[in-house]
Amino acid sequence: MISYKSVAFNLFISLLLLSCNNQKDTNEDLNLKKTSQYTEADYDFLAIGNPEKLSAASKRALENNYHKNDVWFGAFRDHSIKGDIGYEKGVIRRDPTMVIQVDSLYYTWYTKSTGKTYGFGTGDPEKKVFPWDKSEIWYATSTDGWDWKEQGLAITFGPEGEYDDRSVFTPEILVHENKYYLVYQCIQAPYLNRSFNTVGMSVADSPNGPWKRLDAPILEAAKDGEWLGEEDSRFAVKKQGSFDSQKVHDPTLLFYKNKFYLYYKGERMGERRTCGGREIRWGVAIADKPEGPYTKSEYNPITHSGHEICVWKYKDGIAMVSSADGPERQTIQFAPDGINFEIKSYINWVPSAMGLVTTLDNDNHPTEALTWGLHHKTQIYPGESWLTGDNYLARFSFSKNRNTKAEFANKK
């Protein structure tokens, strides 16, 4: 007599074998499809002799498009500049904006402060805690991008008790429909380890001002973590919260897809050290008008690396350089939708706080936007830390990979 259990078991085994065979066929079809999407030229570029026997490194090279992304590679170089905004002892000039051109003049804006930096814990709330503390935003002009003349103050502190009454710093510029928009970080007094910062905006009809400050910030930290204890320590938390729970830094505003994309760096309460250094991520907030209101993207954070924001429009997407911090630091990346970035190349050195030149033809080449621009450097004095050093502006250039434009055109 045949057992129902025996029949059921045999049926189960048969179905399982059929499923496995189907899965095997599916996997083989997928592998064949993956292999067939590559050409002999692709294998030759990567020096892969036998496509049927791929090492893990060769598989990564194919999957990550190393055979197509070579046009994104290159190297940065550093150059001194002339004029008023280079090294000056006792003066901080840092975080230059993008370089815009109005008539025959190049313009840039930057953080400026003077006075000794003491750090936290002095017991005196009036003492400067960072090089960018008690800072204002100044600007300079140049006819050739090499020799710069400081023109004066653009943005100063807000009224006492307001969101920007302690320091305004790390600016970025956007020109849109004959108006000039400066976005920048703001701190309200007193400046503590546990201070939450905001992003402010000022608007002008001319690059020379006058600038009208908005009454309220356009972006704020999430503030959704929870501090531990009463000590003024940003590392003692019960809950860290979102990637931008404490700080929204390095704002950069682009007009993209008929909306305003405000890219920014987020820092968490209780920031940890990770395998790639500091726990730094980027986000983006989007608005219909430059003054806002801005809505943070539901896809935030959009990176898990990077320090100062450096983004530019390329074709229909957004390209970026990730500088310091995180496992993907020192990379160039691209997002066809401005949000989902993929690594395109790796670079040995990235200038700090790059200000790109907005009049370059970015669509001419993936790295055309990096041809030249401004950045800041730090003069550290013997026996002292970077906190007490002086920042100053310099120029960078980028040497493209040796592929010709014709080669690039053939790869598209």
Protein backbone atom coordinates (compact mmCIF):
# COMPACT_ATOMS: atom_id res chain seq x y z
CA MET A 1 0.00 0.00 0.00
CA ILE A 2 1.37 3.35 -1.04
CA SER A 3 1.65 5.91 1.74
CA TYR A 4 0.23 9.37 1.13
CA LYS A 5 3.23 10.73 3.02
CA SER A 6 5.58 8.91 0.63
CA VAL A 7 3.79 10.33 -2.43
CA ALA A 8 3.84 13.83 -0.97
CA PHE A 9 7.54 13.56 -0.13
CA ASN A 10 8.44 12.32 -3.64
CA LEU A 11 6.36 15.11 -5.17
CA PHE A 12 8.15 17.68 -2.97
CA ILE A 13 11.57 16.34 -4.02
CA SER A 14 10.59 16.46 -7.69
CA LEU A 15 9.39 20.04 -7.42
CA LEU A 16 12.56 21.00 -5.53
CA LEU A 17 14.81 19.47 -8.22
CA LEU A 18 12.79 21.18 -10.94
CA SER A 19 13.10 24.49 -9.12
CA CYS A 20 16.85 24.04 -8.69
CA ASN A 21 17.28 23.17 -12.37
CA ASN A 22 15.21 26.19 -13.37
CA GLN A 23 17.26 28.37 -11.03
CA LYS A 24 20.46 26.92 -12.49
CA ASP A 25 19.19 27.67 -16.00
CA THR A 26 18.22 31.19 -14.86
CA ASN A 27 21.65 31.81 -13.31
CA GLU A 28 23.35 30.54 -16.46
CA ASP A 29 21.16 32.81 -18.58
CA LEU A 30 22.03 35.76 -16.32
CA ASN A 31 25.74 34.98 -16.48
CA LEU A 32 25.52 34.65 -20.27
CA LYS A 33 23.65 37.95 -20.45
CA LYS A 34 26.25 39.64 -18.23
CA THR A 35 29.10 38.25 -20.32
CA SER A 36 27.49 39.08 -23.64
CA GLN A 37 27.06 42.77 -22.77
CA TYR A 38 30.84 43.24 -22.97
CA THR A 39 32.79 43.48 -26.21
CA GLU A 40 36.22 42.27 -27.21
CA ALA A 41 37.36 45.88 -26.96
CA ASP A 42 36.19 45.99 -23.32
CA TYR A 43 38.15 42.84 -22.47
CA ASP A 44 41.18 44.16 -24.33
CA PHE A 45 41.06 47.49 -22.49
CA LEU A 46 41.17 45.61 -19.17
CA ALA A 47 43.73 43.07 -20.44
CA ILE A 48 41.34 40.19 -19.74
CA GLY A 49 42.57 37.26 -21.82
CA ASN A 50 39.90 34.70 -20.98
CA PRO A 51 36.39 36.05 -20.29
CA GLU A 52 35.32 32.59 -19.14
CA LYS A 53 37.78 32.70 -16.23
CA LEU A 54 37.36 36.02 -14.41
CA SER A 55 39.10 36.88 -11.16
CA ALA A 56 37.21 38.85 -8.53
CA ALA A 57 39.21 41.93 -9.57
CA SER A 58 38.25 41.50 -13.24
CA LYS A 59 34.59 41.04 -12.32
CA ARG A 60 34.70 44.28 -10.30
CA ALA A 61 36.42 46.06 -13.17
CA LEU A 62 33.68 45.05 -15.60
CA GLU A 63 30.78 45.66 -13.21
CA ASN A 64 32.16 49.07 -12.19
CA ASN A 65 32.83 50.07 -15.81
CA TYR A 66 36.57 50.68 -15.42
CA HIS A 67 36.74 50.18 -19.19
CA LYS A 68 34.38 53.12 -19.76
CA ASN A 69 35.09 55.53 -16.89
CA ASP A 70 38.71 56.35 -17.72
CA VAL A 71 37.61 59.80 -19.00
CA TRP A 72 36.63 60.68 -15.42
CA PHE A 73 40.18 60.19 -14.13
CA GLY A 74 42.85 62.84 -13.76
CA ALA A 75 44.92 64.72 -11.17
CA PHE A 76 44.68 68.01 -9.28
CA ARG A 77 47.52 70.51 -9.00
CA ASP A 78 47.98 73.43 -6.60
CA HIS A 79 48.99 76.97 -7.64
CA SER A 80 49.71 80.21 -5.76
CA ILE A 81 47.77 83.35 -6.60
CA LYS A 82 48.64 87.03 -6.49
CA GLY A 83 46.95 89.94 -4.78
CA ASP A 84 45.08 90.33 -1.51
CA ILE A 85 43.62 86.92 -0.68
CA GLY A 86 46.73 84.76 -0.42
CA TYR A 87 48.62 84.03 2.80
CA GLU A 88 48.50 86.78 5.42
CA LYS A 89 49.60 86.09 8.99
CA GLY A 90 46.82 86.51 11.53
CA VAL A 91 44.03 86.48 8.91
CA ILE A 92 41.63 83.66 8.02
CA ARG A 93 40.33 83.48 4.44
CA ARG A 94 38.74 80.15 3.59
CA ASP A 95 35.91 78.30 1.83
CA PRO A 96 35.72 80.27 -1.45
CA THR A 97 32.50 80.14 -3.45
CA MET A 98 32.21 79.21 -7.08
CA VAL A 99 33.90 81.77 -9.31
CA ILE A 100 31.38 83.71 -11.40
CA GLN A 101 32.11 86.14 -14.20
CA VAL A 102 30.21 89.40 -14.52
CA ASP A 103 31.22 91.51 -17.54
CA SER A 104 35.04 91.41 -17.49
CA LEU A 105 35.47 90.50 -13.81
CA TYR A 106 35.67 87.23 -11.92
CA TYR A 107 34.05 87.27 -8.46
CA THR A 108 34.42 85.02 -5.43
CA TRP A 109 33.11 85.21 -1.85
CA TYR A 110 34.74 83.61 1.20
CA THR A 111 34.84 83.32 4.98
CA LYS A 112 37.03 85.94 6.68
CA SER A 113 38.00 86.42 10.32
CA THR A 114 40.87 87.63 12.46
CA GLY A 115 41.98 86.93 16.00
CA LYS A 116 43.36 83.92 17.83
CA THR A 117 41.43 80.63 17.98
CA TYR A 118 41.17 79.09 21.46
CA GLY A 119 38.86 76.09 21.06
CA PHE A 120 36.10 75.10 23.49
CA GLY A 121 36.32 74.94 27.26
CA THR A 122 38.01 78.27 28.02
CA GLY A 123 35.15 79.45 30.24
CA ASP A 124 34.95 82.67 28.20
CA PRO A 125 32.03 82.58 25.72
CA GLU A 126 33.50 85.50 23.79
CA LYS A 127 36.68 83.67 22.80
CA LYS A 128 36.88 82.33 19.27
CA VAL A 129 36.43 78.52 19.19
CA PHE A 130 37.16 77.73 15.50
CA PRO A 131 38.91 79.57 12.64
CA TRP A 132 35.43 80.19 11.13
CA ASP A 133 33.98 81.48 14.40
CA LYS A 134 33.20 85.21 14.58
CA SER A 135 33.52 85.30 10.78
CA GLU A 136 31.96 87.42 8.08
CA ILE A 137 31.66 86.94 4.33
CA TRP A 138 33.91 89.07 2.14
CA TYR A 139 34.50 89.12 -1.60
CA ALA A 140 37.25 89.71 -4.15
CA THR A 141 37.51 90.27 -7.90
CA SER A 142 40.02 89.46 -10.62
CA THR A 143 40.43 90.14 -14.32
CA ASP A 144 42.41 86.96 -15.02
CA GLY A 145 41.72 84.52 -12.15
CA TRP A 146 45.29 84.87 -10.86
CA ASP A 147 45.61 88.36 -9.39
CA TRP A 148 42.80 89.06 -6.90
CA LYS A 149 41.74 92.33 -5.26
CA GLU A 150 39.76 92.18 -2.02
CA GLN A 151 36.70 94.40 -2.39
CA GLY A 152 35.31 94.33 1.14
CA LEU A 153 32.49 93.04 3.32
CA ALA A 154 29.44 91.37 1.79
CA ILE A 155 27.55 89.72 4.70
CA THR A 156 27.96 90.38 8.43
CA PHE A 157 26.33 88.98 11.59
CA GLY A 158 22.60 89.25 12.16
CA PRO A 159 21.03 91.28 14.99
CA GLU A 160 21.63 90.13 18.57
CA GLY A 161 19.46 87.17 19.49
CA GLU A 162 18.94 86.09 15.86
CA TYR A 163 19.97 82.79 14.24
CA ASP A 164 23.11 84.34 12.72
CA ASP A 165 24.33 86.71 15.44
CA ARG A 166 27.60 84.86 16.18
CA SER A 167 29.12 83.89 12.82
CA VAL A 168 28.31 83.63 9.09
CA PHE A 169 30.66 81.46 7.03
CA THR A 170 31.24 78.91 4.23
CA PRO A 171 29.28 80.76 1.52
CA GLU A 172 28.20 79.65 -1.95
CA ILE A 173 26.82 81.73 -4.81
CA LEU A 174 24.03 81.14 -7.34
CA VAL A 175 23.12 83.56 -10.11
CA HIS A 176 19.57 83.09 -11.35
CA GLU A 177 17.44 85.43 -13.48
CA ASN A 178 19.72 88.41 -12.85
CA LYS A 179 19.65 87.98 -9.08
CA TYR A 180 22.48 86.88 -6.83
CA TYR A 181 21.89 84.40 -4.02
CA LEU A 182 24.45 83.74 -1.28
CA VAL A 183 23.83 80.73 0.96
CA TYR A 184 25.99 80.17 4.03
CA GLN A 185 26.26 78.58 7.46
CA CYS A 186 25.11 80.47 10.55
CA ILE A 187 25.73 80.12 14.28
CA GLN A 188 23.79 81.79 17.08
CA ALA A 189 25.62 82.77 20.25
CA PRO A 190 26.92 81.19 22.38
CA TYR A 191 29.01 78.82 20.22
CA LEU A 192 29.07 75.49 22.10
CA ASN A 193 30.01 71.90 21.30
CA ARG A 194 26.31 71.13 21.27
CA SER A 195 25.27 74.10 19.14
CA PHE A 196 22.93 73.43 16.22
CA ASN A 197 23.72 75.46 13.12
CA THR A 198 21.49 76.70 10.31
CA VAL A 199 21.79 77.75 6.67
CA GLY A 200 21.00 81.38 5.84
CA MET A 201 20.53 83.30 2.60
CA SER A 202 21.05 86.85 1.38
CA VAL A 203 19.89 88.23 -1.98
CA ALA A 204 21.16 91.09 -4.16
CA ASP A 205 20.59 92.61 -7.59
CA SER A 206 24.33 93.09 -8.11
CA PRO A 207 27.42 91.07 -7.16
CA ASN A 208 28.55 94.18 -5.29
CA GLY A 209 25.41 94.25 -3.14
CA PRO A 210 23.70 95.55 -1.16
CA TRP A 211 22.64 92.19 0.22
CA LYS A 212 19.25 91.63 1.82
CA ARG A 213 19.33 88.97 4.53
CA LEU A 214 16.34 86.63 4.92
CA ASP A 215 14.68 86.85 8.31
CA ALA A 216 14.74 83.08 8.87
CA PRO A 217 17.07 80.22 7.94
CA ILE A 218 16.30 78.23 4.79
CA LEU A 219 17.58 74.95 6.30
CA GLU A 220 17.99 73.59 9.83
CA ALA A 221 19.44 70.51 11.48
CA ALA A 222 17.00 67.67 12.18
CA LYS A 223 17.60 67.86 15.97
CA ASP A 224 16.12 64.37 16.36
CA GLY A 225 18.87 62.84 18.50
CA GLU A 226 19.08 62.93 22.27
CA TRP A 227 22.00 64.20 24.33
CA LEU A 228 23.36 62.22 27.27
CA GLY A 229 23.99 64.21 30.45
CA GLU A 230 24.57 67.94 30.82
CA GLU A 231 28.26 68.17 29.87
CA ASP A 232 28.88 70.22 26.73
CA SER A 233 30.05 67.22 24.69
CA ARG A 234 28.77 66.49 21.21
CA PHE A 235 29.90 62.87 21.51
CA ALA A 236 27.76 61.94 24.55
CA VAL A 237 24.34 60.87 23.29
CA LYS A 238 21.49 58.53 24.12
CA LYS A 239 20.40 58.53 20.47
CA GLN A 240 22.24 59.91 17.44
CA GLY A 241 19.27 60.67 15.24
CA SER A 242 19.42 61.46 11.52
CA PHE A 243 22.60 62.00 9.51
CA ASP A 244 22.06 65.77 9.95
CA SER A 245 20.72 65.76 13.50
CA GLN A 246 23.19 68.44 14.68
CA LYS A 247 24.76 70.26 11.74
CA VAL A 248 23.90 71.32 8.20
CA HIS A 249 27.14 72.55 6.63
CA ASP A 250 28.66 73.61 3.30
CA PRO A 251 25.43 74.62 1.50
CA THR A 252 25.62 74.66 -2.30
CA LEU A 253 22.67 75.80 -4.40
CA LEU A 254 22.08 74.66 -8.01
CA PHE A 255 19.18 75.33 -10.37
CA TYR A 256 18.46 71.86 -11.72
CA LYS A 257 15.43 70.35 -13.49
CA ASN A 258 13.52 73.61 -12.95
CA LYS A 259 13.92 73.37 -9.20
CA PHE A 260 16.48 74.55 -6.66
CA TYR A 261 18.67 71.80 -5.24
CA LEU A 262 20.39 72.73 -1.98
CA TYR A 263 23.19 70.22 -1.39
CA TYR A 264 24.67 70.15 2.10
CA LYS A 265 26.88 68.19 4.49
CA GLY A 266 25.22 66.67 7.53
CA GLU A 267 26.78 65.82 10.89
CA ARG A 268 25.12 63.73 13.59
CA MET A 269 24.88 64.24 17.29
CA GLY A 270 27.39 61.84 18.81
CA GLU A 271 29.47 61.67 15.63
CA ARG A 272 31.40 58.40 15.44
CA ARG A 273 34.67 57.40 13.87
CA THR A 274 34.10 54.96 11.02
CA CYS A 275 36.31 52.84 8.80
CA GLY A 276 36.67 55.83 6.53
CA GLY A 277 37.31 58.50 9.17
CA ARG A 278 34.70 60.94 10.43
CA GLU A 279 31.02 60.09 10.12
CA ILE A 280 30.11 62.56 7.36
CA ARG A 281 27.29 62.30 4.82
CA TRP A 282 25.62 64.58 2.30
CA GLY A 283 21.98 65.43 1.79
CA VAL A 284 19.89 67.54 -0.55
CA ALA A 285 16.82 69.72 -0.01
CA ILE A 286 14.65 70.86 -2.92
CA ALA A 287 12.47 73.94 -3.47
CA ASP A 288 10.41 75.60 -6.20
CA LYS A 289 11.85 79.04 -5.39
CA PRO A 290 15.41 79.97 -4.36
CA GLU A 291 14.22 81.38 -1.03
CA GLY A 292 12.39 78.12 -0.25
CA PRO A 293 10.67 76.51 1.48
CA TYR A 294 13.10 73.59 1.13
CA THR A 295 12.08 69.97 1.61
CA LYS A 296 14.76 67.45 2.48
CA SER A 297 14.88 64.53 0.07
CA GLU A 298 13.38 61.25 1.26
CA TYR A 299 16.51 59.58 -0.14
CA ASN A 300 18.83 61.39 2.29
CA PRO A 301 21.63 60.75 2.98
CA ILE A 302 22.69 60.68 -0.67
CA THR A 303 26.36 59.91 0.14
CA HIS A 304 28.18 58.09 2.89
CA SER A 305 31.41 60.03 2.38
CA GLY A 306 32.69 63.47 1.53
CA HIS A 307 33.47 66.71 3.31
CA GLU A 308 33.09 70.11 1.61
CA ILE A 309 30.41 70.04 -1.08
CA CYS A 310 31.65 70.21 -4.68
CA VAL A 311 28.92 69.59 -7.28
CA TRP A 312 28.27 70.67 -10.85
CA LYS A 313 25.79 70.05 -13.66
CA TYR A 314 27.01 67.66 -16.36
CA LYS A 315 24.71 66.70 -19.24
CA ASP A 316 21.36 65.88 -17.60
CA GLY A 317 22.82 64.90 -14.22
CA ILE A 318 24.99 66.10 -11.36
CA ALA A 319 28.67 65.29 -10.88
CA MET A 320 30.59 65.67 -7.64
CA VAL A 321 33.96 65.31 -5.95
CA SER A 322 34.07 63.56 -2.59
CA SER A 323 37.10 64.89 -0.73
CA ALA A 324 37.91 63.83 2.83
CA ASP A 325 36.10 61.40 5.19
CA GLY A 326 34.26 58.18 4.55
CA PRO A 327 35.00 54.99 2.63
CA GLU A 328 34.40 56.74 -0.73
CA ARG A 329 36.61 59.76 -0.09
CA GLN A 330 38.78 61.04 -2.95
CA THR A 331 36.40 59.94 -5.68
CA ILE A 332 34.55 61.61 -8.53
CA GLN A 333 30.93 60.47 -8.79
CA PHE A 334 27.93 61.06 -11.04
CA ALA A 335 24.16 60.90 -10.54
CA PRO A 336 21.91 61.00 -13.64
CA ASP A 337 19.09 62.22 -11.37
CA GLY A 338 21.13 64.40 -9.00
CA ILE A 339 20.59 61.98 -6.10
CA ASN A 340 21.83 58.45 -6.85
CA PHE A 341 25.59 58.83 -7.17
CA GLU A 342 27.92 56.17 -8.56
CA ILE A 343 31.72 56.23 -8.38
CA LYS A 344 33.36 57.10 -11.69
CA SER A 345 37.01 57.57 -10.70
CA TYR A 346 39.52 57.70 -7.86
CA ILE A 347 41.98 60.55 -7.30
CA ASN A 348 45.09 60.87 -5.16
CA TRP A 349 44.52 64.36 -3.74
CA VAL A 350 41.56 66.73 -3.54
CA PRO A 351 41.94 70.47 -2.80
CA SER A 352 40.01 71.70 0.25
CA ALA A 353 36.73 73.57 -0.28
CA MET A 354 36.88 73.92 -4.04
CA GLY A 355 35.14 76.82 -5.74
CA LEU A 356 34.48 75.90 -9.39
CA VAL A 357 34.29 78.35 -12.30
CA THR A 358 30.70 78.67 -13.54
CA THR A 359 31.55 79.94 -17.05
CA LEU A 360 33.29 76.74 -18.18
CA ASP A 361 31.54 74.51 -20.73
CA ASN A 362 30.80 71.65 -18.34
CA ASP A 363 29.18 69.45 -20.99
CA ASN A 364 32.35 69.40 -23.09
CA HIS A 365 33.90 66.68 -20.91
CA PRO A 366 32.99 64.97 -17.61
CA THR A 367 35.73 66.86 -15.72
CA GLU A 368 35.67 70.15 -17.66
CA ALA A 369 34.18 71.88 -14.59
CA LEU A 370 37.39 71.10 -12.69
CA THR A 371 39.71 72.83 -15.18
CA TRP A 372 40.53 75.52 -12.63
CA GLY A 373 39.13 77.20 -9.56
CA LEU A 374 39.95 78.34 -6.03
CA HIS A 375 40.46 76.45 -2.78
CA HIS A 376 41.89 77.13 0.67
CA LYS A 377 45.09 76.02 2.36
CA THR A 378 46.27 76.11 5.97
CA GLN A 379 49.51 77.52 7.34
CA ILE A 380 50.26 75.56 10.52
CA TYR A 381 52.91 77.06 12.78
CA PRO A 382 55.60 75.00 14.57
CA GLY A 383 54.36 73.45 17.80
CA GLU A 384 50.74 74.50 17.18
CA SER A 385 47.63 72.74 15.90
CA TRP A 386 45.57 73.46 12.77
CA LEU A 387 43.13 75.37 14.99
CA THR A 388 45.60 78.21 15.48
CA GLY A 389 46.87 78.18 11.90
CA ASP A 390 45.94 80.67 9.20
CA ASN A 391 43.82 79.80 6.16
CA TYR A 392 44.37 81.46 2.80
CA LEU A 393 43.15 81.08 -0.77
CA ALA A 394 44.98 79.47 -3.66
CA ARG A 395 44.20 78.19 -7.13
CA PHE A 396 43.89 74.61 -8.39
CA SER A 397 43.89 73.01 -11.82
CA PHE A 398 42.92 69.55 -13.02
CA SER A 399 44.76 67.54 -15.65
CA LYS A 400 42.39 65.25 -17.52
CA ASN A 401 43.25 61.66 -18.31
CA ARG A 402 45.21 61.44 -21.54
CA ASN A 403 42.25 60.20 -23.62
CA THR A 404 41.43 62.51 -26.52
CA LYS A 405 38.04 64.03 -27.15
CA ALA A 406 37.64 61.70 -30.14
CA GLU A 407 38.21 58.69 -27.90
CA PHE A 408 35.66 60.05 -25.45
CA ALA A 409 33.11 60.57 -28.21
CA ASN A 410 33.54 56.99 -29.34
CA LYS A 411 32.82 55.72 -25.82
CA LYS A 412 29.48 57.47 -25.48
